[in-house]
Amino acid sequence: MSEYVIGVDLGTSAVKVSAMNHTGEIVAQQSYEYPLSQPKPGYSEQNPQDWLYATTISLDRLILNNQLKPEEIASISFSGQMHGLVLLDEHNQVLRPAMLWNDTRTTAQCEEITAKLGDEFVDITGNQPLEGFTLPKLLWVKENEPEIWSKAKTFLLPKDYVRYCMTGELGMDYSDATGTVLLDIHTGQWSEKIAEAFDIPMSMCPPLINSIDLAGHISESYSTFSGLSTATKVFGGGADNACGAIGAGILQPNMVMSSIGTSGVVLKYEPDNQVNYHGQIQFEDHAIPDTYYSMGVTLAAGHSLNWFKKTFYAETDFSEMVAAAAKRPLGANGLLFTPYVVGERAPYADADIRGSFIGVDSMHTSADFVRAVMEGITFSFKDIMAIYQANQRDFDTVVAIGGGAKSELWLQMQADIFNKKVLALENEQGPGLGAAMIAAVGLGWFDSLQDCAKEFVHFGREYQPIPENVAKYQALYDIYHQVYKQTKSLSHQLLAFRRN
């Protein structure tokens, strides 16, 4: 009998479930979208039941449409959107819509955390208190919805809620737990110091498990609901960025992931927690037991290019736009772009900075602007990588995924700007592949995620830095790196003018 593992990728707009065999080949795949609610500026919410229904429908379709037999589905694991707050009552029923990672209503709570604990908070959690994290959301509910708070007995993150509905077992893996900024990264336990400081009952914190730990089996009630077998094992799973790193093969200290999606992520495997980035970049437990990863985020990576296309190239295909940029010289004829069009997170935690074009000349063409946007996004990644070099956490290989890996121009540009070897993936599947790999290792198909990667992850073409280009880009980056400080005050003044 054939056996398959399933990776459930629970994203912000849709769930994607992928069934894979022993060699990492996708044998079936289904997805289902769900709505996002933004009732007020800065609010971003979803109904947790929508995640459950969408996941169940997708699993049903694997059985009904793709003809997978329930008894062939040996195990399931998850990749989940990070930081989202799901509050449960004493009967484990949902109390309110989930507040998502991109919900920014919690600035006052972040300021409260900083005022009360300051640098000690960063020392405990490895992170600054940012609006996206879960702890500020808990405090917001506590301070603004006391009736809801009085009924709250447990909090979970999105994938953990879906897994609970499948198994009847509560739990949270370490990679998602660090993203709550309630976990002590040194002890691997929920922080009593932080919980006491903000009057959060420790009993609200769910049991902690490793990503590859068995979290339970499909319950009889969910089996009836979904058609899955109660023999199917369910493993902990991980945060989407941790799973994305696993699916990209970022499993050694010499490797960094460069992900250009709507936002941009530079993620590095960290073998230990003996480094303090002082909150400049995020520091998280990995889905690989007893290891970590660090991550810097550019808020508007692909979003910057999408904005530019929508605004100035609406009738042009992306490939044509990029092909035109490829014909322009390196450095876009002296035109620089900073991708701060929605603020920035790393290395500048500044919600009020805004983007800019510097060096505009009447001889510039529209293709120069496209190239400048692509180069500016890549320079913003180099800003994050400079933090690693400043902390003696160097690397020699960059694995590019997302939009930046779909263009030879952009792949070579990354190699030249980073001055590192850049690899693309032959079988890029993102966090869903990482989730399936967790299911495979948990099941015992492989001894470790590193061993699993040898079978499941396939690297494609290698891009080496071109020395002449490296030198030119370094000179241009030295100018780019000055733009934030030079424009910060002007951006803040302009934003204040706009708000008035």
Protein backbone atom coordinates (compact mmCIF):
# COMPACT_ATOMS: atom_id res chain seq x y z
CA MET A 1 0.00 0.00 0.00
CA SER A 2 1.23 3.50 -0.87
CA GLU A 3 1.83 5.92 1.98
CA TYR A 4 1.72 9.70 1.84
CA VAL A 5 2.44 12.60 4.14
CA ILE A 6 0.46 15.81 3.97
CA GLY A 7 1.73 19.33 4.55
CA VAL A 8 -0.95 21.87 5.43
CA ASP A 9 0.16 25.43 4.62
CA LEU A 10 -2.24 27.73 6.49
CA GLY A 11 -1.66 31.15 4.95
CA THR A 12 -3.28 34.55 5.35
CA SER A 13 -5.53 34.30 2.31
CA ALA A 14 -5.81 30.56 1.67
CA VAL A 15 -4.83 27.10 2.81
CA LYS A 16 -2.87 24.76 0.53
CA VAL A 17 -2.56 21.05 1.29
CA SER A 18 0.06 18.93 -0.44
CA ALA A 19 0.31 15.14 -0.40
CA MET A 20 3.85 13.82 -0.97
CA ASN A 21 5.39 10.39 -1.34
CA HIS A 22 8.67 9.01 0.05
CA THR A 23 10.77 10.91 -2.49
CA GLY A 24 9.14 14.29 -1.92
CA GLU A 25 7.13 14.17 -5.13
CA ILE A 26 3.78 15.98 -4.93
CA VAL A 27 1.12 13.43 -5.79
CA ALA A 28 -1.88 15.67 -5.13
CA GLN A 29 -2.53 19.27 -4.10
CA GLN A 30 -5.62 21.27 -3.20
CA SER A 31 -6.26 24.79 -1.90
CA TYR A 32 -9.15 26.86 -0.62
CA GLU A 33 -9.42 30.60 0.04
CA TYR A 34 -11.01 32.36 3.01
CA PRO A 35 -11.86 36.01 3.69
CA LEU A 36 -9.93 38.66 5.60
CA SER A 37 -11.81 41.22 7.68
CA GLN A 38 -10.45 44.75 8.21
CA PRO A 39 -13.28 46.49 10.11
CA LYS A 40 -11.16 49.52 11.07
CA PRO A 41 -7.85 51.00 9.94
CA GLY A 42 -5.05 48.86 11.35
CA TYR A 43 -7.36 45.93 12.17
CA SER A 44 -6.88 42.57 10.47
CA GLU A 45 -8.99 39.60 11.58
CA GLN A 46 -10.21 36.19 10.48
CA ASN A 47 -12.74 33.69 11.74
CA PRO A 48 -10.83 30.58 12.94
CA GLN A 49 -13.70 28.41 11.75
CA ASP A 50 -12.91 29.52 8.20
CA TRP A 51 -9.44 27.98 8.53
CA LEU A 52 -10.93 24.71 9.75
CA TYR A 53 -13.56 24.53 7.00
CA ALA A 54 -11.07 25.44 4.26
CA THR A 55 -8.55 22.86 5.47
CA THR A 56 -11.23 20.17 5.75
CA ILE A 57 -12.61 20.90 2.29
CA SER A 58 -9.09 20.70 0.84
CA LEU A 59 -8.45 17.37 2.58
CA ASP A 60 -11.83 16.08 1.40
CA ARG A 61 -10.88 16.94 -2.16
CA LEU A 62 -7.64 14.99 -1.87
CA ILE A 63 -9.75 11.95 -1.03
CA LEU A 64 -12.68 12.54 -3.41
CA ASN A 65 -11.06 14.27 -6.39
CA ASN A 66 -7.48 12.94 -6.24
CA GLN A 67 -8.52 9.46 -5.14
CA LEU A 68 -6.20 9.28 -2.11
CA LYS A 69 -7.43 6.55 0.23
CA PRO A 70 -7.76 7.69 3.87
CA GLU A 71 -5.65 4.74 5.02
CA GLU A 72 -2.83 5.90 2.69
CA ILE A 73 -2.51 9.23 4.52
CA ALA A 74 0.05 8.25 7.13
CA SER A 75 0.64 11.65 8.74
CA ILE A 76 -0.20 15.35 8.61
CA SER A 77 1.71 18.40 9.77
CA PHE A 78 1.36 22.13 9.45
CA SER A 79 2.92 25.42 8.50
CA GLY A 80 0.98 28.33 9.94
CA GLN A 81 0.76 32.08 9.59
CA MET A 82 2.57 33.44 12.65
CA HIS A 83 1.52 35.54 15.65
CA GLY A 84 -2.28 35.43 15.15
CA LEU A 85 -4.22 35.38 18.45
CA VAL A 86 -6.95 32.77 18.93
CA LEU A 87 -8.67 33.04 22.33
CA LEU A 88 -10.59 30.05 23.73
CA ASP A 89 -12.98 29.81 26.69
CA GLU A 90 -13.16 27.04 29.30
CA HIS A 91 -14.86 24.77 26.76
CA ASN A 92 -12.20 25.55 24.11
CA GLN A 93 -14.69 27.55 22.08
CA VAL A 94 -13.48 30.61 20.13
CA LEU A 95 -14.28 33.88 21.91
CA ARG A 96 -13.60 36.46 19.18
CA PRO A 97 -12.17 36.75 15.66
CA ALA A 98 -8.45 36.03 15.49
CA MET A 99 -6.18 39.08 15.41
CA LEU A 100 -3.61 38.42 12.66
CA TRP A 101 0.12 39.07 12.23
CA ASN A 102 -0.57 42.20 10.16
CA ASP A 103 -2.96 43.74 12.71
CA THR A 104 -1.30 46.97 13.89
CA ARG A 105 -3.72 48.31 16.51
CA THR A 106 -1.34 47.48 19.38
CA THR A 107 1.18 50.34 19.32
CA ALA A 108 0.16 51.50 22.81
CA GLN A 109 0.64 47.99 24.17
CA CYS A 110 4.11 47.73 22.60
CA GLU A 111 5.04 51.02 24.26
CA GLU A 112 3.69 49.66 27.54
CA ILE A 113 5.89 46.57 27.28
CA THR A 114 8.98 48.66 26.53
CA ALA A 115 8.25 51.09 29.39
CA LYS A 116 7.83 48.26 31.91
CA LEU A 117 10.61 45.83 30.91
CA GLY A 118 12.86 47.70 28.46
CA ASP A 119 16.01 45.85 27.41
CA GLU A 120 15.20 42.97 29.77
CA PHE A 121 12.32 42.04 27.48
CA VAL A 122 14.71 41.74 24.51
CA ASP A 123 17.14 39.70 26.61
CA ILE A 124 14.38 37.23 27.58
CA THR A 125 12.62 36.87 24.22
CA GLY A 126 15.33 37.82 21.71
CA ASN A 127 12.90 40.30 20.15
CA GLN A 128 11.57 43.81 20.40
CA PRO A 129 7.84 44.10 21.20
CA LEU A 130 6.37 44.78 17.76
CA GLU A 131 2.72 45.25 16.82
CA GLY A 132 2.62 41.99 14.88
CA PHE A 133 3.51 39.75 17.84
CA THR A 134 0.97 37.92 19.99
CA LEU A 135 1.69 39.35 23.46
CA PRO A 136 0.66 42.93 22.51
CA LYS A 137 -2.58 41.45 21.13
CA LEU A 138 -3.27 39.69 24.44
CA LEU A 139 -2.77 42.99 26.24
CA TRP A 140 -5.04 44.81 23.80
CA VAL A 141 -7.90 42.38 24.46
CA LYS A 142 -7.23 42.56 28.21
CA GLU A 143 -7.41 46.36 28.16
CA ASN A 144 -10.13 46.91 25.56
CA GLU A 145 -12.42 43.88 25.80
CA PRO A 146 -12.56 42.98 29.52
CA GLU A 147 -15.71 40.84 29.08
CA ILE A 148 -13.92 38.68 26.51
CA TRP A 149 -10.76 38.59 28.62
CA SER A 150 -12.66 37.39 31.71
CA LYS A 151 -13.78 34.30 29.75
CA ALA A 152 -10.41 33.55 28.12
CA LYS A 153 -8.74 30.39 29.39
CA THR A 154 -6.31 29.46 26.59
CA PHE A 155 -4.64 31.14 23.64
CA LEU A 156 -3.42 29.44 20.48
CA LEU A 157 -1.97 30.44 17.14
CA PRO A 158 -3.79 29.70 13.87
CA LYS A 159 -2.34 26.32 12.93
CA ASP A 160 -2.55 25.16 16.55
CA TYR A 161 -6.28 25.80 16.55
CA VAL A 162 -6.79 23.74 13.39
CA ARG A 163 -4.63 20.96 14.82
CA TYR A 164 -6.66 21.03 18.06
CA CYS A 165 -9.88 20.65 16.07
CA MET A 166 -8.38 17.64 14.29
CA THR A 167 -6.99 15.89 17.37
CA GLY A 168 -8.69 17.32 20.47
CA GLU A 169 -5.21 18.03 21.89
CA LEU A 170 -3.97 21.53 22.83
CA GLY A 171 -0.36 22.49 22.14
CA MET A 172 2.03 24.93 20.49
CA ASP A 173 5.39 24.20 18.92
CA TYR A 174 8.48 26.17 19.90
CA SER A 175 8.92 27.96 16.57
CA ASP A 176 5.49 29.56 16.91
CA ALA A 177 5.83 30.03 20.68
CA THR A 178 8.87 32.29 20.29
CA GLY A 179 6.80 34.42 17.91
CA THR A 180 4.38 35.18 20.72
CA VAL A 181 7.24 36.95 22.62
CA LEU A 182 6.05 35.21 25.77
CA LEU A 183 8.70 32.48 25.60
CA ASP A 184 12.07 32.64 27.35
CA ILE A 185 14.50 31.63 24.60
CA HIS A 186 17.11 30.64 27.19
CA THR A 187 14.98 28.23 29.23
CA GLY A 188 12.60 27.09 26.49
CA GLN A 189 9.66 27.74 28.79
CA TRP A 190 6.91 30.32 29.01
CA SER A 191 8.32 33.36 30.79
CA GLU A 192 6.86 33.77 34.28
CA LYS A 193 8.59 37.16 34.50
CA ILE A 194 6.71 38.54 31.47
CA ALA A 195 3.41 36.89 32.39
CA GLU A 196 3.56 38.32 35.93
CA ALA A 197 4.57 41.77 34.69
CA PHE A 198 1.39 42.01 32.60
CA ASP A 199 -0.94 39.92 34.77
CA ILE A 200 -1.38 37.10 32.24
CA PRO A 201 -2.24 33.77 33.90
CA MET A 202 0.37 31.12 33.11
CA SER A 203 -2.53 28.68 32.75
CA MET A 204 -3.47 30.44 29.48
CA CYS A 205 -0.24 29.29 27.85
CA PRO A 206 -0.67 25.96 26.01
CA PRO A 207 1.66 22.95 26.42
CA LEU A 208 4.89 23.24 24.41
CA ILE A 209 5.94 20.59 21.89
CA ASN A 210 8.64 20.15 19.28
CA SER A 211 7.62 20.57 15.66
CA ILE A 212 8.37 16.91 14.90
CA ASP A 213 6.59 15.64 18.05
CA LEU A 214 3.43 13.58 17.76
CA ALA A 215 0.60 15.93 18.71
CA GLY A 216 -2.14 13.31 18.47
CA HIS A 217 -4.19 11.24 16.03
CA ILE A 218 -7.21 12.24 13.99
CA SER A 219 -10.07 12.14 16.48
CA GLU A 220 -13.20 10.10 15.88
CA SER A 221 -15.33 13.24 15.59
CA TYR A 222 -12.98 14.83 13.03
CA SER A 223 -12.72 11.51 11.18
CA THR A 224 -16.51 11.54 10.76
CA PHE A 225 -16.38 15.19 9.70
CA SER A 226 -13.50 14.86 7.23
CA GLY A 227 -13.29 11.28 6.07
CA LEU A 228 -9.73 10.90 7.39
CA SER A 229 -8.66 7.77 9.25
CA THR A 230 -8.18 7.81 13.03
CA ALA A 231 -4.90 5.98 12.37
CA THR A 232 -3.43 9.11 10.75
CA LYS A 233 -0.77 10.69 12.96
CA VAL A 234 -0.66 14.47 13.41
CA PHE A 235 2.63 16.22 14.17
CA GLY A 236 3.24 19.61 15.74
CA GLY A 237 4.29 21.62 12.69
CA GLY A 238 5.91 25.02 12.68
CA ALA A 239 5.69 28.73 11.99
CA ASP A 240 5.50 29.56 8.30
CA ASN A 241 8.97 31.12 8.17
CA ALA A 242 10.53 28.14 9.96
CA CYS A 243 8.78 25.75 7.57
CA GLY A 244 9.73 27.93 4.61
CA ALA A 245 13.37 27.69 5.68
CA ILE A 246 13.13 23.90 5.95
CA GLY A 247 11.49 23.68 2.53
CA ALA A 248 14.28 25.83 1.11
CA GLY A 249 16.97 23.63 2.65
CA ILE A 250 18.18 26.27 5.14
CA LEU A 251 19.50 23.65 7.53
CA GLN A 252 23.15 24.61 7.98
CA PRO A 253 24.83 27.71 9.54
CA ASN A 254 26.47 28.73 6.25
CA MET A 255 23.08 29.27 4.56
CA VAL A 256 20.70 32.23 4.39
CA MET A 257 17.29 32.42 2.72
CA SER A 258 16.32 35.42 0.62
CA SER A 259 12.56 35.46 0.13
CA ILE A 260 10.93 38.14 -1.99
CA GLY A 261 7.19 37.98 -1.54
CA THR A 262 4.83 40.84 -0.72
CA SER A 263 7.20 41.47 2.16
CA GLY A 264 10.81 40.33 2.08
CA VAL A 265 12.55 37.98 4.50
CA VAL A 266 16.21 37.32 5.11
CA LEU A 267 16.42 34.24 7.32
CA LYS A 268 19.48 32.52 8.75
CA TYR A 269 19.87 29.14 10.43
CA GLU A 270 21.33 29.61 13.92
CA PRO A 271 22.91 26.55 15.59
CA ASP A 272 22.73 28.13 19.08
CA ASN A 273 21.33 31.12 20.95
CA GLN A 274 24.70 32.55 21.93
CA VAL A 275 24.20 35.73 19.93
CA ASN A 276 22.27 38.87 20.82
CA TYR A 277 21.03 40.94 17.92
CA HIS A 278 19.47 43.38 20.44
CA GLY A 279 16.12 43.12 18.72
CA GLN A 280 17.36 44.54 15.39
CA ILE A 281 16.15 41.34 13.78
CA GLN A 282 13.86 38.62 15.08
CA PHE A 283 15.30 35.58 16.84
CA GLU A 284 13.15 32.44 16.95
CA ASP A 285 13.24 28.77 17.85
CA HIS A 286 13.51 26.69 14.68
CA ALA A 287 11.27 23.79 13.77
CA ILE A 288 14.48 21.72 14.01
CA PRO A 289 14.72 20.74 17.70
CA ASP A 290 17.25 22.70 19.79
CA THR A 291 18.21 25.06 16.97
CA TYR A 292 17.15 28.58 16.06
CA TYR A 293 16.76 30.98 13.19
CA SER A 294 17.02 34.72 12.91
CA MET A 295 15.01 36.81 10.52
CA GLY A 296 14.95 40.35 9.22
CA VAL A 297 11.91 41.67 7.39
CA THR A 298 11.63 44.26 4.64
CA LEU A 299 7.97 45.28 4.80
CA ALA A 300 7.54 46.16 1.12
CA ALA A 301 9.75 43.97 -1.05
CA GLY A 302 7.62 42.54 -3.83
CA HIS A 303 4.93 45.02 -2.77
CA SER A 304 7.18 47.86 -3.94
CA LEU A 305 7.50 46.35 -7.41
CA ASN A 306 3.76 45.51 -7.50
CA TRP A 307 2.93 49.10 -6.51
CA PHE A 308 5.22 50.46 -9.22
CA LYS A 309 3.75 48.18 -11.88
CA LYS A 310 0.15 48.91 -10.89
CA THR A 311 0.81 52.65 -10.87
CA PHE A 312 3.02 53.09 -13.93
CA TYR A 313 3.03 49.81 -15.89
CA ALA A 314 -0.56 48.61 -15.49
CA GLU A 315 -0.91 47.37 -19.07
CA THR A 316 2.49 45.66 -19.22
CA ASP A 317 3.26 42.05 -18.37
CA PHE A 318 5.71 41.54 -15.50
CA SER A 319 8.14 39.64 -17.71
CA GLU A 320 8.20 42.50 -20.25
CA MET A 321 8.77 45.04 -17.49
CA VAL A 322 11.69 43.07 -16.05
CA ALA A 323 13.11 42.42 -19.54
CA ALA A 324 13.18 46.18 -20.16
CA ALA A 325 14.99 46.70 -16.83
CA ALA A 326 17.59 44.09 -17.81
CA LYS A 327 18.60 46.26 -20.77
CA ARG A 328 19.43 49.24 -18.54
CA PRO A 329 22.91 49.52 -17.01
CA LEU A 330 23.82 48.35 -13.54
CA GLY A 331 22.86 51.09 -11.09
CA ALA A 332 19.99 52.34 -13.28
CA ASN A 333 22.04 55.26 -14.56
CA GLY A 334 22.56 56.64 -11.05
CA LEU A 335 18.97 56.25 -9.82
CA LEU A 336 18.33 54.88 -6.31
CA PHE A 337 15.10 53.67 -4.74
CA THR A 338 14.42 52.94 -1.06
CA PRO A 339 11.53 50.47 -0.58
CA TYR A 340 10.00 52.08 2.50
CA VAL A 341 6.60 52.64 0.91
CA VAL A 342 4.70 51.26 3.94
CA GLY A 343 7.33 51.98 6.59
CA GLU A 344 10.12 49.59 7.52
CA ARG A 345 10.93 46.91 10.08
CA ALA A 346 14.56 45.84 9.70
CA PRO A 347 17.07 47.21 10.22
CA TYR A 348 15.00 50.35 10.84
CA ALA A 349 11.93 49.81 13.02
CA ASP A 350 10.24 52.94 11.70
CA ALA A 351 6.55 52.91 10.79
CA ASP A 352 6.71 56.51 9.52
CA ILE A 353 9.64 56.32 7.09
CA ARG A 354 8.59 56.45 3.43
CA GLY A 355 10.24 55.45 0.19
CA SER A 356 12.10 57.68 -2.18
CA PHE A 357 13.76 57.90 -5.58
CA ILE A 358 17.11 59.66 -5.35
CA GLY A 359 19.00 60.99 -8.36
CA VAL A 360 16.10 61.44 -10.79
CA ASP A 361 17.37 62.87 -14.06
CA SER A 362 15.51 63.87 -17.22
CA MET A 363 17.49 61.25 -19.16
CA HIS A 364 16.07 58.38 -17.08
CA THR A 365 13.64 55.99 -18.77
CA SER A 366 10.79 54.07 -17.19
CA ALA A 367 12.98 50.94 -17.36
CA ASP A 368 15.61 52.71 -15.23
CA PHE A 369 12.95 53.17 -12.57
CA VAL A 370 12.03 49.48 -12.69
CA ARG A 371 15.67 48.47 -12.32
CA ALA A 372 16.14 50.95 -9.47
CA VAL A 373 13.16 49.42 -7.63
CA MET A 374 14.60 45.91 -8.01
CA GLU A 375 18.04 47.04 -6.90
CA GLY A 376 16.62 49.01 -3.96
CA ILE A 377 14.72 45.97 -2.68
CA THR A 378 17.92 43.93 -2.91
CA PHE A 379 19.93 46.64 -1.12
CA SER A 380 17.38 46.53 1.71
CA PHE A 381 18.19 42.81 2.08
CA LYS A 382 21.90 43.64 2.15
CA ASP A 383 21.16 46.02 5.06
CA ILE A 384 19.85 43.01 7.01
CA MET A 385 22.76 40.80 6.00
CA ALA A 386 25.17 43.45 7.30
CA ILE A 387 23.80 42.76 10.80
CA TYR A 388 25.01 39.16 10.51
CA GLN A 389 28.45 40.23 9.44
CA ALA A 390 28.65 42.76 12.30
CA ASN A 391 27.90 39.90 14.72
CA GLN A 392 30.40 37.46 13.17
CA ARG A 393 27.59 35.24 11.89
CA ASP A 394 28.81 35.05 8.31
CA PHE A 395 27.56 32.75 5.55
CA ASP A 396 28.54 31.84 2.01
CA THR A 397 25.32 30.65 0.37
CA VAL A 398 22.00 32.41 -0.28
CA VAL A 399 18.95 30.38 -1.31
CA ALA A 400 16.55 32.64 -3.21
CA ILE A 401 12.83 31.93 -3.19
CA GLY A 402 9.68 33.83 -4.12
CA GLY A 403 9.46 36.47 -6.83
CA GLY A 404 13.19 37.19 -6.70
CA ALA A 405 13.93 33.62 -7.76
CA LYS A 406 11.78 33.75 -10.90
CA SER A 407 14.06 36.12 -12.80
CA GLU A 408 17.62 35.42 -13.94
CA LEU A 409 18.28 39.16 -13.79
CA TRP A 410 17.21 39.31 -10.15
CA LEU A 411 19.11 36.15 -9.18
CA GLN A 412 22.35 37.47 -10.65
CA MET A 413 21.64 40.88 -9.11
CA GLN A 414 21.38 39.23 -5.68
CA ALA A 415 24.67 37.38 -6.18
CA ASP A 416 26.39 40.62 -7.18
CA ILE A 417 24.90 42.82 -4.44
CA PHE A 418 25.34 40.25 -1.66
CA ASN A 419 28.72 39.08 -3.02
CA LYS A 420 27.61 35.52 -2.24
CA LYS A 421 26.75 32.38 -4.15
CA VAL A 422 23.00 32.34 -4.87
CA LEU A 423 20.97 29.18 -5.48
CA ALA A 424 17.45 28.77 -6.76
CA LEU A 425 15.23 25.76 -6.08
CA GLU A 426 14.03 23.33 -8.73
CA ASN A 427 10.97 22.37 -6.70
CA GLU A 428 10.03 25.47 -4.73
CA GLN A 429 6.92 24.72 -2.69
CA GLY A 430 7.46 27.11 0.21
CA PRO A 431 6.29 26.39 3.76
CA GLY A 432 4.02 23.55 2.63
CA LEU A 433 7.06 21.47 1.68
CA GLY A 434 8.59 22.15 5.10
CA ALA A 435 5.35 21.01 6.76
CA ALA A 436 5.36 17.78 4.74
CA MET A 437 9.01 17.20 5.67
CA ILE A 438 8.12 17.58 9.36
CA ALA A 439 5.39 14.96 8.87
CA ALA A 440 7.87 12.63 7.14
CA VAL A 441 10.53 12.95 9.87
CA GLY A 442 7.94 12.63 12.63
CA LEU A 443 6.70 9.45 11.01
CA GLY A 444 10.22 8.02 10.95
CA TRP A 445 10.82 8.07 7.21
CA PHE A 446 14.04 9.98 7.91
CA ASP A 447 16.24 10.41 11.00
CA SER A 448 16.38 14.19 10.73
CA LEU A 449 15.14 17.11 8.68
CA GLN A 450 18.65 17.42 7.23
CA ASP A 451 18.40 13.84 5.95
CA CYS A 452 14.91 14.49 4.61
CA ALA A 453 16.15 17.57 2.72
CA LYS A 454 18.60 15.42 0.75
CA GLU A 455 15.57 13.64 -0.73
CA PHE A 456 12.92 16.36 -0.77
CA VAL A 457 14.84 19.61 -1.57
CA HIS A 458 16.42 20.05 -5.01
CA PHE A 459 18.67 23.00 -5.80
CA GLY A 460 18.80 24.37 -9.32
CA ARG A 461 21.18 26.72 -11.08
CA GLU A 462 23.97 28.41 -9.14
CA TYR A 463 24.72 32.13 -9.58
CA GLN A 464 28.20 33.34 -8.70
CA PRO A 465 29.03 37.02 -8.04
CA ILE A 466 30.75 38.82 -10.92
CA PRO A 467 33.69 40.75 -9.39
CA GLU A 468 33.26 43.83 -11.61
CA ASN A 469 29.58 44.06 -10.70
CA VAL A 470 30.31 43.47 -7.00
CA ALA A 471 32.61 46.50 -6.90
CA LYS A 472 30.09 48.76 -8.65
CA TYR A 473 27.22 47.64 -6.46
CA GLN A 474 29.29 48.13 -3.29
CA ALA A 475 29.93 51.74 -4.28
CA LEU A 476 26.23 52.26 -4.96
CA TYR A 477 25.23 50.53 -1.71
CA ASP A 478 27.49 52.87 0.25
CA ILE A 479 25.31 55.72 -1.07
CA TYR A 480 22.03 53.81 -0.58
CA HIS A 481 22.91 53.11 3.06
CA GLN A 482 22.96 56.86 3.76
CA VAL A 483 19.46 57.55 2.41
CA TYR A 484 17.48 56.45 5.47
CA LYS A 485 19.21 58.85 7.84
CA GLN A 486 19.14 61.66 5.26
CA THR A 487 15.40 61.32 4.55
CA LYS A 488 14.04 60.20 7.94
CA SER A 489 13.14 63.68 9.19
CA LEU A 490 11.68 64.72 5.83
CA SER A 491 9.52 61.58 5.66
CA HIS A 492 8.18 62.13 9.16
CA GLN A 493 7.37 65.77 8.41
CA LEU A 494 5.60 64.87 5.16
CA LEU A 495 3.57 62.15 6.85
CA ALA A 496 2.55 64.60 9.60
CA PHE A 497 1.50 67.08 6.90
CA ARG A 498 -0.53 64.39 5.16
CA ARG A 499 -2.30 63.39 8.38
CA ASN A 500 -3.20 66.99 9.12
